[in-house]
N, C-alpha and C. Protein backbone atom coordinates (compact mmCIF):
# COMPACT_ATOMS: atom_id res chain seq x y z
N UNK A 1 -75.51 65.66 7.70
CA UNK A 1 -74.10 65.48 7.27
C UNK A 1 -73.66 66.40 6.49
N UNK A 2 -72.44 66.45 6.29
CA UNK A 2 -71.89 67.56 5.38
C UNK A 2 -71.90 67.02 3.97
N UNK A 3 -72.30 68.04 3.13
CA UNK A 3 -72.50 67.79 1.71
C UNK A 3 -71.40 68.53 0.99
N UNK A 4 -70.81 67.85 0.03
CA UNK A 4 -69.80 68.35 -0.89
C UNK A 4 -70.49 68.88 -2.21
N UNK A 5 -69.86 69.75 -2.75
CA UNK A 5 -70.28 70.30 -3.98
C UNK A 5 -69.96 69.31 -5.12
N UNK A 6 -70.58 69.69 -6.35
CA UNK A 6 -70.49 68.79 -7.33
C UNK A 6 -68.89 68.84 -7.89
N UNK A 7 -68.37 69.84 -7.94
CA UNK A 7 -66.78 69.91 -8.29
C UNK A 7 -65.97 69.24 -7.30
N UNK A 8 -66.26 69.33 -5.99
CA UNK A 8 -65.49 68.63 -5.03
C UNK A 8 -65.68 67.22 -5.08
N UNK A 9 -66.97 66.73 -5.40
CA UNK A 9 -67.10 65.27 -5.56
C UNK A 9 -66.31 64.72 -6.69
N UNK A 10 -66.30 65.40 -7.80
CA UNK A 10 -65.64 64.93 -8.89
C UNK A 10 -64.12 64.90 -8.69
N UNK A 11 -63.59 65.80 -8.02
CA UNK A 11 -62.11 65.88 -7.48
C UNK A 11 -61.86 64.72 -6.67
N UNK A 12 -62.78 64.44 -5.71
CA UNK A 12 -62.52 63.29 -4.81
C UNK A 12 -62.60 62.06 -5.48
N UNK A 13 -63.40 61.86 -6.49
CA UNK A 13 -63.56 60.56 -7.26
C UNK A 13 -62.28 60.40 -8.07
N UNK A 14 -61.71 61.46 -8.75
CA UNK A 14 -60.49 61.37 -9.50
C UNK A 14 -59.41 61.10 -8.61
N UNK A 15 -59.25 61.67 -7.50
CA UNK A 15 -58.16 61.50 -6.55
C UNK A 15 -58.22 60.01 -6.06
N UNK A 16 -59.44 59.49 -5.73
CA UNK A 16 -59.56 58.05 -5.28
C UNK A 16 -59.11 57.09 -6.37
N UNK A 17 -59.49 57.35 -7.63
CA UNK A 17 -59.16 56.51 -8.95
C UNK A 17 -57.67 56.61 -9.03
N UNK A 18 -57.11 57.71 -8.95
CA UNK A 18 -55.67 57.86 -9.02
C UNK A 18 -54.85 57.15 -7.84
N UNK A 19 -55.40 57.16 -6.73
CA UNK A 19 -54.79 56.40 -5.63
C UNK A 19 -54.88 54.99 -5.92
N UNK A 20 -56.01 54.48 -6.33
CA UNK A 20 -56.18 52.96 -6.60
C UNK A 20 -55.27 52.58 -7.76
N UNK A 21 -55.16 53.41 -8.82
CA UNK A 21 -54.32 53.09 -9.93
C UNK A 21 -52.82 53.07 -9.47
N UNK A 22 -52.46 54.00 -8.63
CA UNK A 22 -51.08 54.03 -8.17
C UNK A 22 -50.71 52.88 -7.29
N UNK A 23 -51.65 52.45 -6.52
CA UNK A 23 -51.54 51.34 -5.58
C UNK A 23 -51.37 50.02 -6.36
N UNK A 24 -52.27 49.88 -7.40
CA UNK A 24 -52.22 48.65 -8.16
C UNK A 24 -51.02 48.62 -8.96
N UNK A 25 -50.43 49.73 -9.52
CA UNK A 25 -49.26 49.70 -10.21
C UNK A 25 -48.09 49.41 -9.29
N UNK A 26 -48.17 49.99 -8.13
CA UNK A 26 -47.07 49.60 -7.29
C UNK A 26 -47.10 48.15 -6.77
N UNK A 27 -48.23 47.62 -6.53
CA UNK A 27 -48.34 46.23 -6.17
C UNK A 27 -47.82 45.37 -7.35
N UNK A 28 -48.29 45.66 -8.56
CA UNK A 28 -47.96 44.93 -9.68
C UNK A 28 -46.40 44.99 -9.97
N UNK A 29 -45.75 46.14 -9.77
CA UNK A 29 -44.31 46.27 -9.96
C UNK A 29 -43.65 45.38 -8.81
N UNK A 30 -44.09 45.59 -7.68
CA UNK A 30 -43.36 44.82 -6.47
C UNK A 30 -43.40 43.40 -6.64
N UNK A 31 -44.35 42.73 -7.33
CA UNK A 31 -44.46 41.34 -7.39
C UNK A 31 -43.66 40.84 -8.66
N UNK A 32 -43.48 41.70 -9.67
CA UNK A 32 -42.53 41.28 -10.75
C UNK A 32 -41.17 40.99 -10.29
N UNK A 33 -40.60 41.88 -9.37
CA UNK A 33 -39.19 41.77 -8.88
C UNK A 33 -38.26 41.53 -9.95
N UNK A 34 -36.95 41.16 -9.60
CA UNK A 34 -35.95 40.97 -10.52
C UNK A 34 -36.32 39.62 -11.29
N UNK A 35 -35.67 39.41 -12.47
CA UNK A 35 -36.04 38.30 -13.37
C UNK A 35 -35.46 37.06 -12.47
N UNK A 36 -36.16 35.91 -12.59
CA UNK A 36 -35.79 34.80 -11.85
C UNK A 36 -34.90 33.87 -12.81
N UNK A 37 -33.79 33.41 -12.21
CA UNK A 37 -32.85 32.68 -13.05
C UNK A 37 -33.53 31.37 -13.54
N UNK A 38 -33.27 31.00 -14.78
CA UNK A 38 -33.75 29.84 -15.41
C UNK A 38 -32.89 28.54 -15.17
N UNK A 39 -31.64 28.68 -15.01
CA UNK A 39 -30.63 27.67 -14.80
C UNK A 39 -29.47 28.16 -13.96
N UNK A 40 -28.61 27.22 -13.74
CA UNK A 40 -27.44 27.47 -12.88
C UNK A 40 -26.66 28.69 -13.42
N UNK A 41 -26.40 28.67 -14.71
CA UNK A 41 -25.49 29.60 -15.26
C UNK A 41 -26.11 31.01 -15.09
N UNK A 42 -27.42 31.28 -15.28
CA UNK A 42 -28.09 32.59 -15.06
C UNK A 42 -28.01 32.81 -13.60
N UNK A 43 -28.18 31.89 -12.70
CA UNK A 43 -28.12 32.16 -11.31
C UNK A 43 -26.77 32.62 -10.93
N UNK A 44 -25.67 32.06 -11.41
CA UNK A 44 -24.31 32.43 -11.13
C UNK A 44 -23.99 33.81 -11.64
N UNK A 45 -24.59 34.18 -12.88
CA UNK A 45 -24.26 35.47 -13.43
C UNK A 45 -25.03 36.46 -12.54
N UNK A 46 -26.24 36.23 -11.96
CA UNK A 46 -26.92 37.09 -11.04
C UNK A 46 -26.16 37.31 -9.73
N UNK A 47 -25.55 36.19 -9.26
CA UNK A 47 -24.74 36.25 -7.98
C UNK A 47 -23.71 37.15 -8.21
N UNK A 48 -23.00 37.00 -9.37
CA UNK A 48 -21.78 37.79 -9.56
C UNK A 48 -22.05 39.30 -9.64
N UNK A 49 -23.23 39.64 -10.17
CA UNK A 49 -23.69 41.10 -10.32
C UNK A 49 -24.16 41.55 -8.89
N UNK A 50 -24.87 40.88 -8.22
CA UNK A 50 -25.50 41.31 -7.05
C UNK A 50 -24.69 41.12 -5.74
N UNK A 51 -23.60 40.36 -5.74
CA UNK A 51 -23.09 40.11 -4.52
C UNK A 51 -22.15 41.31 -4.06
N UNK A 52 -22.16 41.77 -2.77
CA UNK A 52 -21.46 42.88 -2.37
C UNK A 52 -20.12 42.42 -1.70
N UNK A 53 -19.92 41.07 -1.34
CA UNK A 53 -18.75 40.64 -0.70
C UNK A 53 -18.45 39.33 -1.20
N UNK A 54 -17.28 38.75 -0.89
CA UNK A 54 -16.95 37.44 -1.36
C UNK A 54 -17.79 36.36 -0.49
N UNK A 55 -18.10 36.71 0.69
CA UNK A 55 -18.89 35.80 1.52
C UNK A 55 -20.30 35.75 0.84
N UNK A 56 -20.92 36.81 0.56
CA UNK A 56 -22.21 36.81 0.03
C UNK A 56 -22.21 36.13 -1.31
N UNK A 57 -21.27 36.37 -2.20
CA UNK A 57 -21.04 35.60 -3.46
C UNK A 57 -20.98 34.10 -3.13
N UNK A 58 -20.29 33.67 -2.24
CA UNK A 58 -20.16 32.26 -2.06
C UNK A 58 -21.49 31.64 -1.54
N UNK A 59 -22.19 32.36 -0.69
CA UNK A 59 -23.52 31.91 -0.35
C UNK A 59 -24.51 31.99 -1.48
N UNK A 60 -24.44 32.94 -2.38
CA UNK A 60 -25.38 33.04 -3.46
C UNK A 60 -25.07 31.81 -4.43
N UNK A 61 -23.72 31.44 -4.62
CA UNK A 61 -23.41 30.40 -5.49
C UNK A 61 -23.85 29.02 -4.94
N UNK A 62 -23.79 28.83 -3.58
CA UNK A 62 -24.30 27.66 -2.80
C UNK A 62 -25.68 27.51 -3.11
N UNK A 63 -26.37 28.63 -3.04
CA UNK A 63 -27.88 28.67 -3.27
C UNK A 63 -28.19 28.25 -4.68
N UNK A 64 -27.36 28.76 -5.67
CA UNK A 64 -27.51 28.34 -7.06
C UNK A 64 -27.38 26.76 -7.28
N UNK A 65 -26.40 26.29 -6.60
CA UNK A 65 -26.06 24.84 -6.72
C UNK A 65 -27.09 23.99 -6.13
N UNK A 66 -27.81 24.56 -5.02
CA UNK A 66 -28.92 23.74 -4.48
C UNK A 66 -30.17 23.83 -5.34
N UNK A 67 -30.45 24.91 -6.01
CA UNK A 67 -31.66 25.18 -6.85
C UNK A 67 -31.48 24.41 -8.20
N UNK A 68 -30.27 24.27 -8.68
CA UNK A 68 -30.09 23.66 -10.11
C UNK A 68 -29.01 22.57 -10.03
N UNK A 69 -29.39 21.31 -10.33
CA UNK A 69 -28.50 20.18 -10.26
C UNK A 69 -27.68 20.10 -11.55
N UNK A 70 -28.34 20.59 -12.73
CA UNK A 70 -27.63 20.38 -14.01
C UNK A 70 -26.92 21.56 -14.51
N UNK A 71 -25.98 21.31 -15.37
CA UNK A 71 -25.20 22.40 -15.86
C UNK A 71 -25.36 22.57 -17.34
N UNK A 72 -25.46 23.69 -17.85
CA UNK A 72 -25.59 23.90 -19.40
C UNK A 72 -24.37 23.36 -20.16
N UNK A 73 -24.80 22.71 -21.25
CA UNK A 73 -23.71 22.07 -22.20
C UNK A 73 -23.54 23.07 -23.33
N UNK A 74 -22.39 22.96 -23.97
CA UNK A 74 -22.00 23.95 -25.01
C UNK A 74 -22.94 23.67 -26.20
N UNK A 75 -23.23 22.44 -26.52
CA UNK A 75 -24.04 22.20 -27.71
C UNK A 75 -25.49 22.42 -27.50
N UNK A 76 -25.91 22.72 -26.28
CA UNK A 76 -27.30 22.90 -25.85
C UNK A 76 -27.80 21.70 -25.06
N UNK A 77 -28.81 21.87 -24.20
CA UNK A 77 -29.11 20.93 -23.32
C UNK A 77 -28.40 20.93 -22.02
N UNK A 78 -28.65 19.93 -21.13
CA UNK A 78 -28.03 20.09 -19.73
C UNK A 78 -27.39 18.64 -19.45
N UNK A 79 -26.37 18.69 -18.54
CA UNK A 79 -25.74 17.53 -18.06
C UNK A 79 -25.79 17.63 -16.58
N UNK A 80 -25.92 16.30 -15.96
CA UNK A 80 -25.88 16.27 -14.47
C UNK A 80 -24.73 15.22 -14.06
N UNK A 81 -23.79 15.83 -13.25
CA UNK A 81 -22.66 14.98 -12.83
C UNK A 81 -22.96 14.28 -11.45
N UNK A 82 -22.82 13.04 -11.47
CA UNK A 82 -23.06 12.22 -10.21
C UNK A 82 -21.65 12.01 -9.65
N UNK A 83 -21.25 12.57 -8.60
CA UNK A 83 -19.93 12.50 -7.96
C UNK A 83 -19.81 11.03 -7.47
N UNK A 84 -20.88 10.41 -7.03
CA UNK A 84 -20.69 9.04 -6.36
C UNK A 84 -20.34 8.03 -7.39
N UNK A 85 -20.79 8.22 -8.62
CA UNK A 85 -20.31 7.27 -9.65
C UNK A 85 -19.13 7.83 -10.57
N UNK A 86 -18.88 9.17 -10.47
CA UNK A 86 -17.92 9.84 -11.17
C UNK A 86 -18.30 9.68 -12.65
N UNK A 87 -19.64 10.05 -12.95
CA UNK A 87 -20.20 9.89 -14.22
C UNK A 87 -21.13 11.09 -14.46
N UNK A 88 -21.19 11.43 -15.84
CA UNK A 88 -22.14 12.45 -16.19
C UNK A 88 -23.35 11.95 -16.95
N UNK A 89 -24.49 12.48 -16.85
CA UNK A 89 -25.66 11.97 -17.47
C UNK A 89 -26.24 13.33 -18.17
N UNK A 90 -26.79 13.03 -19.39
CA UNK A 90 -27.50 14.01 -20.10
C UNK A 90 -28.91 14.15 -19.59
N UNK A 91 -29.35 15.42 -19.35
CA UNK A 91 -30.79 15.64 -18.85
C UNK A 91 -31.42 16.72 -19.70
N UNK A 92 -32.77 16.74 -19.66
CA UNK A 92 -33.43 17.68 -20.53
C UNK A 92 -33.52 19.05 -20.03
N UNK A 93 -33.51 19.36 -18.74
CA UNK A 93 -33.62 20.69 -18.21
C UNK A 93 -32.53 20.95 -17.14
N UNK A 94 -32.63 22.09 -16.43
CA UNK A 94 -31.61 22.34 -15.50
C UNK A 94 -31.68 21.47 -14.22
N UNK A 95 -32.73 20.82 -14.07
CA UNK A 95 -32.84 19.70 -13.00
C UNK A 95 -33.37 18.50 -13.62
N UNK A 96 -32.95 17.32 -13.17
CA UNK A 96 -33.44 16.07 -13.70
C UNK A 96 -34.88 15.83 -13.48
N UNK A 97 -35.56 15.25 -14.44
CA UNK A 97 -37.02 14.81 -14.25
C UNK A 97 -37.10 13.65 -13.46
N UNK A 98 -38.29 13.16 -13.07
CA UNK A 98 -38.48 12.09 -12.24
C UNK A 98 -37.93 10.81 -12.96
N UNK A 99 -38.17 10.69 -14.30
CA UNK A 99 -37.69 9.44 -14.91
C UNK A 99 -36.16 9.56 -15.09
N UNK A 100 -35.57 10.80 -15.22
CA UNK A 100 -34.14 10.83 -15.40
C UNK A 100 -33.53 10.48 -14.01
N UNK A 101 -34.20 10.95 -12.91
CA UNK A 101 -33.76 10.59 -11.57
C UNK A 101 -33.72 9.20 -11.46
N UNK A 102 -34.73 8.39 -11.84
CA UNK A 102 -34.85 7.08 -11.67
C UNK A 102 -33.79 6.26 -12.48
N UNK A 103 -33.47 6.82 -13.79
CA UNK A 103 -32.38 6.20 -14.51
C UNK A 103 -31.03 6.41 -13.81
N UNK A 104 -30.77 7.66 -13.22
CA UNK A 104 -29.58 7.88 -12.61
C UNK A 104 -29.33 6.94 -11.28
N UNK A 105 -30.50 6.69 -10.59
CA UNK A 105 -30.54 5.70 -9.47
C UNK A 105 -30.17 4.40 -9.94
N UNK A 106 -30.85 3.94 -10.90
CA UNK A 106 -30.65 2.65 -11.54
C UNK A 106 -29.19 2.36 -11.77
N UNK A 107 -28.66 3.36 -12.41
CA UNK A 107 -27.13 3.40 -12.76
C UNK A 107 -26.33 3.21 -11.63
N UNK A 108 -26.75 3.98 -10.53
CA UNK A 108 -25.91 3.94 -9.38
C UNK A 108 -26.04 2.57 -8.74
N UNK A 109 -27.17 1.91 -8.72
CA UNK A 109 -27.33 0.55 -8.27
C UNK A 109 -26.38 -0.47 -8.93
N UNK A 110 -26.34 -0.39 -10.22
CA UNK A 110 -25.50 -1.21 -11.09
C UNK A 110 -24.07 -0.92 -10.72
N UNK A 111 -23.71 0.43 -10.59
CA UNK A 111 -22.42 0.76 -10.17
C UNK A 111 -21.96 0.12 -8.83
N UNK A 112 -22.86 0.17 -7.84
CA UNK A 112 -22.53 -0.45 -6.57
C UNK A 112 -22.33 -1.89 -6.72
N UNK A 113 -23.15 -2.68 -7.56
CA UNK A 113 -23.11 -4.06 -7.72
C UNK A 113 -21.69 -4.34 -8.38
N UNK A 114 -21.39 -3.74 -9.37
CA UNK A 114 -20.10 -3.89 -10.02
C UNK A 114 -18.87 -3.63 -9.02
N UNK A 115 -19.02 -2.68 -8.30
CA UNK A 115 -17.84 -2.41 -7.44
C UNK A 115 -17.82 -3.40 -6.37
N UNK A 116 -18.86 -3.88 -5.89
CA UNK A 116 -18.99 -5.01 -4.88
C UNK A 116 -18.36 -6.19 -5.49
N UNK A 117 -18.69 -6.64 -6.78
CA UNK A 117 -18.20 -7.78 -7.45
C UNK A 117 -16.65 -7.77 -7.54
N UNK A 118 -16.15 -6.51 -7.93
CA UNK A 118 -14.79 -6.24 -8.02
C UNK A 118 -14.05 -6.39 -6.72
N UNK A 119 -14.52 -5.92 -5.68
CA UNK A 119 -13.97 -5.97 -4.41
C UNK A 119 -13.90 -7.44 -3.98
N UNK A 120 -15.00 -8.14 -4.05
CA UNK A 120 -15.03 -9.57 -3.66
C UNK A 120 -14.03 -10.39 -4.55
N UNK A 121 -13.99 -10.16 -5.72
CA UNK A 121 -13.05 -10.82 -6.66
C UNK A 121 -11.61 -10.62 -6.20
N UNK A 122 -11.20 -9.26 -5.95
CA UNK A 122 -9.89 -8.98 -5.53
C UNK A 122 -9.57 -9.58 -4.06
N UNK A 123 -10.59 -9.60 -3.29
CA UNK A 123 -10.28 -10.26 -2.00
C UNK A 123 -9.98 -11.81 -2.11
N UNK A 124 -10.88 -12.44 -2.99
CA UNK A 124 -10.61 -13.93 -3.23
C UNK A 124 -9.23 -14.10 -3.95
N UNK A 125 -8.86 -13.28 -4.85
CA UNK A 125 -7.52 -13.52 -5.45
C UNK A 125 -6.47 -13.24 -4.41
N UNK A 126 -6.61 -12.38 -3.54
CA UNK A 126 -5.58 -12.07 -2.49
C UNK A 126 -5.47 -13.29 -1.47
N UNK A 127 -6.79 -13.80 -1.25
CA UNK A 127 -6.88 -15.01 -0.25
C UNK A 127 -6.06 -16.18 -0.97
N UNK A 128 -6.34 -16.42 -2.17
CA UNK A 128 -5.79 -17.43 -2.88
C UNK A 128 -4.28 -17.39 -2.89
N UNK A 129 -3.77 -16.17 -3.18
CA UNK A 129 -2.38 -15.92 -3.23
C UNK A 129 -1.81 -16.16 -1.88
N UNK A 130 -2.49 -15.74 -0.80
CA UNK A 130 -1.92 -15.99 0.62
C UNK A 130 -1.90 -17.47 0.80
N UNK A 131 -2.88 -18.31 0.41
CA UNK A 131 -2.84 -19.74 0.67
C UNK A 131 -1.66 -20.33 -0.06
N UNK A 132 -1.62 -19.85 -1.31
CA UNK A 132 -0.35 -20.54 -2.02
C UNK A 132 1.01 -20.16 -1.42
N UNK A 133 1.05 -18.93 -0.86
CA UNK A 133 2.26 -18.45 -0.19
C UNK A 133 2.51 -19.37 1.10
N UNK A 134 1.39 -19.54 1.75
CA UNK A 134 1.48 -20.37 2.92
C UNK A 134 1.83 -21.88 2.62
N UNK A 135 1.28 -22.35 1.57
CA UNK A 135 1.71 -23.77 1.22
C UNK A 135 3.17 -23.85 0.72
N UNK A 136 3.66 -22.85 0.11
CA UNK A 136 5.11 -22.90 -0.25
C UNK A 136 5.99 -22.80 0.93
N UNK A 137 5.56 -21.88 1.94
CA UNK A 137 6.25 -21.80 3.23
C UNK A 137 6.31 -23.06 3.97
N UNK A 138 5.02 -23.72 4.01
CA UNK A 138 4.93 -25.02 4.73
C UNK A 138 5.84 -26.04 4.10
N UNK A 139 5.92 -26.09 2.71
CA UNK A 139 6.76 -27.14 2.16
C UNK A 139 8.14 -26.89 2.42
N UNK A 140 8.50 -25.60 2.52
CA UNK A 140 9.94 -25.27 2.81
C UNK A 140 10.22 -25.65 4.21
N UNK A 141 9.44 -25.44 5.17
CA UNK A 141 9.62 -25.83 6.49
C UNK A 141 9.62 -27.36 6.65
N UNK A 142 8.77 -28.25 5.99
CA UNK A 142 8.87 -29.60 6.03
C UNK A 142 10.11 -30.20 5.46
N UNK A 143 10.74 -29.60 4.56
CA UNK A 143 11.92 -30.11 3.79
C UNK A 143 13.18 -30.02 4.69
N UNK A 144 13.11 -29.11 5.66
CA UNK A 144 14.33 -29.04 6.47
C UNK A 144 15.12 -27.85 6.01
N UNK A 145 16.19 -27.85 6.78
CA UNK A 145 17.08 -26.73 6.36
C UNK A 145 17.88 -27.00 5.10
N UNK A 146 18.04 -26.03 4.27
CA UNK A 146 18.87 -26.31 2.97
C UNK A 146 20.20 -26.86 3.38
N UNK A 147 20.61 -27.82 2.46
CA UNK A 147 22.06 -28.33 2.62
C UNK A 147 23.09 -27.22 2.45
N UNK A 148 23.97 -27.31 3.29
CA UNK A 148 25.07 -26.28 3.28
C UNK A 148 26.22 -27.01 2.47
N UNK A 149 26.64 -26.53 1.34
CA UNK A 149 27.74 -26.96 0.62
C UNK A 149 29.05 -26.39 1.05
N UNK A 150 30.05 -27.17 1.39
CA UNK A 150 31.28 -26.56 1.76
C UNK A 150 31.86 -25.86 0.74
N UNK A 151 32.56 -24.66 1.06
CA UNK A 151 33.21 -23.91 0.03
C UNK A 151 34.43 -24.73 -0.64
N UNK A 152 34.43 -24.50 -2.03
CA UNK A 152 35.56 -25.15 -2.67
C UNK A 152 36.79 -24.54 -2.26
N UNK A 153 37.71 -25.49 -1.88
CA UNK A 153 39.08 -25.17 -1.67
C UNK A 153 39.99 -25.49 -2.80
N UNK A 154 40.65 -24.48 -3.29
CA UNK A 154 41.42 -24.79 -4.50
C UNK A 154 42.61 -25.71 -4.09
N UNK A 155 42.84 -26.62 -5.04
CA UNK A 155 44.08 -27.54 -4.86
C UNK A 155 45.34 -26.91 -5.02
N UNK A 156 46.36 -27.20 -4.30
CA UNK A 156 47.67 -26.53 -4.58
C UNK A 156 48.11 -26.98 -5.89
N UNK A 157 48.92 -26.06 -6.36
CA UNK A 157 49.57 -26.37 -7.69
C UNK A 157 50.60 -27.55 -7.48
N UNK A 158 50.60 -28.41 -8.50
CA UNK A 158 51.58 -29.58 -8.46
C UNK A 158 53.07 -29.06 -8.43
N UNK A 159 53.69 -29.70 -7.54
CA UNK A 159 55.13 -29.23 -7.37
C UNK A 159 55.99 -30.18 -8.34
N UNK A 160 56.99 -29.67 -8.79
CA UNK A 160 57.83 -30.50 -9.56
C UNK A 160 58.43 -31.62 -8.77
N UNK A 161 58.55 -32.80 -9.51
CA UNK A 161 59.12 -33.93 -8.78
C UNK A 161 60.64 -33.68 -8.65
N UNK A 162 60.94 -33.99 -7.31
CA UNK A 162 62.32 -33.85 -6.90
C UNK A 162 63.04 -35.26 -6.96
N UNK A 163 64.16 -35.23 -7.57
CA UNK A 163 64.80 -36.56 -7.72
C UNK A 163 65.50 -36.73 -6.50
N UNK A 164 64.94 -37.90 -5.88
CA UNK A 164 65.67 -38.22 -4.38
C UNK A 164 66.49 -39.42 -4.52
N UNK A 165 66.78 -39.68 -5.63
CA UNK A 165 67.51 -40.97 -5.88
C UNK A 165 68.98 -40.94 -5.22
N UNK A 166 69.48 -39.66 -5.16
CA UNK A 166 70.76 -39.58 -4.60
C UNK A 166 70.74 -39.89 -3.18
N UNK A 167 71.57 -40.60 -2.75
CA UNK A 167 71.75 -40.85 -1.33
C UNK A 167 72.46 -39.83 -0.70
N UNK A 168 72.11 -39.58 0.45
CA UNK A 168 72.78 -38.46 1.27
C UNK A 168 73.97 -39.03 1.92
N UNK A 169 75.06 -38.40 1.81
CA UNK A 169 76.18 -38.74 2.39
C UNK A 169 76.62 -37.97 3.58
N UNK A 170 76.23 -36.88 3.65
CA UNK A 170 76.60 -36.03 4.81
C UNK A 170 75.60 -36.20 5.82
N UNK A 171 75.72 -35.91 7.06
CA UNK A 171 74.80 -35.92 8.06
C UNK A 171 74.09 -34.79 8.37
N UNK A 172 73.75 -34.10 7.30
CA UNK A 172 72.94 -32.92 7.53
C UNK A 172 71.44 -33.18 7.77
N UNK A 173 70.84 -32.15 8.43
CA UNK A 173 69.44 -32.28 8.81
C UNK A 173 68.50 -32.54 7.61
N UNK A 174 68.65 -31.94 6.49
CA UNK A 174 67.92 -32.07 5.35
C UNK A 174 68.14 -33.49 4.81
N UNK A 175 69.35 -34.13 4.74
CA UNK A 175 69.44 -35.40 4.35
C UNK A 175 68.93 -36.46 5.20
N UNK A 176 68.81 -36.23 6.56
CA UNK A 176 68.26 -37.10 7.39
C UNK A 176 66.72 -37.09 7.29
N UNK A 177 66.26 -35.90 7.07
CA UNK A 177 64.79 -35.72 6.87
C UNK A 177 64.35 -36.49 5.60
N UNK A 178 65.06 -36.39 4.59
CA UNK A 178 64.70 -37.10 3.31
C UNK A 178 64.63 -38.60 3.54
N UNK A 179 65.63 -39.04 4.21
CA UNK A 179 65.70 -40.53 4.44
C UNK A 179 64.55 -40.94 5.34
N UNK A 180 64.08 -40.21 6.29
CA UNK A 180 63.00 -40.51 7.15
C UNK A 180 61.62 -40.59 6.32
N UNK A 181 61.45 -39.51 5.57
CA UNK A 181 60.20 -39.46 4.81
C UNK A 181 60.14 -40.58 3.83
N UNK A 182 61.25 -40.88 3.17
CA UNK A 182 61.25 -41.91 2.24
C UNK A 182 60.91 -43.29 2.92
N UNK A 183 61.39 -43.54 4.08
CA UNK A 183 61.06 -44.74 4.81
C UNK A 183 59.67 -44.81 5.21
N UNK A 184 59.04 -43.77 5.61
CA UNK A 184 57.57 -43.57 6.03
C UNK A 184 56.75 -43.88 4.73
N UNK A 185 57.09 -43.24 3.63
CA UNK A 185 56.31 -43.56 2.34
C UNK A 185 56.36 -44.85 2.06
N UNK A 186 57.53 -45.55 2.01
CA UNK A 186 57.57 -46.98 1.60
C UNK A 186 56.87 -47.77 2.51
N UNK A 187 56.81 -47.54 3.90
CA UNK A 187 56.00 -48.38 4.86
C UNK A 187 54.57 -48.20 4.44
N UNK A 188 54.08 -47.06 4.24
CA UNK A 188 52.66 -46.91 3.91
C UNK A 188 52.39 -47.60 2.52
N UNK A 189 53.13 -47.44 1.71
CA UNK A 189 52.91 -48.00 0.33
C UNK A 189 52.88 -49.49 0.36
N UNK A 190 53.71 -50.18 1.25
CA UNK A 190 53.71 -51.62 1.35
C UNK A 190 52.52 -52.07 2.07
N UNK A 191 52.00 -51.28 3.12
CA UNK A 191 50.69 -51.74 3.85
C UNK A 191 49.56 -51.53 2.98
N UNK A 192 49.52 -50.64 2.05
CA UNK A 192 48.34 -50.51 1.12
C UNK A 192 48.34 -51.65 0.11
N UNK A 193 49.51 -52.15 -0.33
CA UNK A 193 49.61 -53.15 -1.30
C UNK A 193 49.22 -54.45 -0.55
N UNK A 194 49.47 -54.63 0.72
CA UNK A 194 49.15 -55.82 1.42
C UNK A 194 47.61 -55.89 1.70
N UNK A 195 47.05 -54.74 1.86
CA UNK A 195 45.51 -54.86 2.19
C UNK A 195 44.78 -55.12 0.89
N UNK A 196 45.28 -54.99 -0.26
CA UNK A 196 44.44 -55.17 -1.45
C UNK A 196 44.22 -56.61 -1.69
């Protein structure tokens, strides 16, 4: 076989060591990658700086929402908003722990029970009101039609009494009419007195 000299052997060993050191540095650098976001807000900041388009930004923000359920609070800590209950819960980290998740689920079960009770109660109140309305309508139907009162007709103003004691001497129509009406009035007056 081929034999290298002492100096060539040392050069080959140093080159091999340099190659191994470079490869391990490259592997170590590649695995560190960009810093990983610790919560939603950091993830959103990274999405803002690394997105090349609005569509990519939207996709990155959706991914941040999927990774982190909680949002950072101003005073420190995190909060989780449950849209089903329209309620916010305080949590320890960017995602609820198992015990926090159980607490949120228990609160949701209570929320559903309360909502169900309120729905049943409102339906009962509506049914009772409908029954009362039906009872009132039935009583109106049984009572018959309402009585119709005739409209009030104003009485004519009293006429002044005409003195008819004068006997008519002429044969005018008005004089004959006055005599006839006086005779009819007297006849009716005498029949009313007789019937009493």
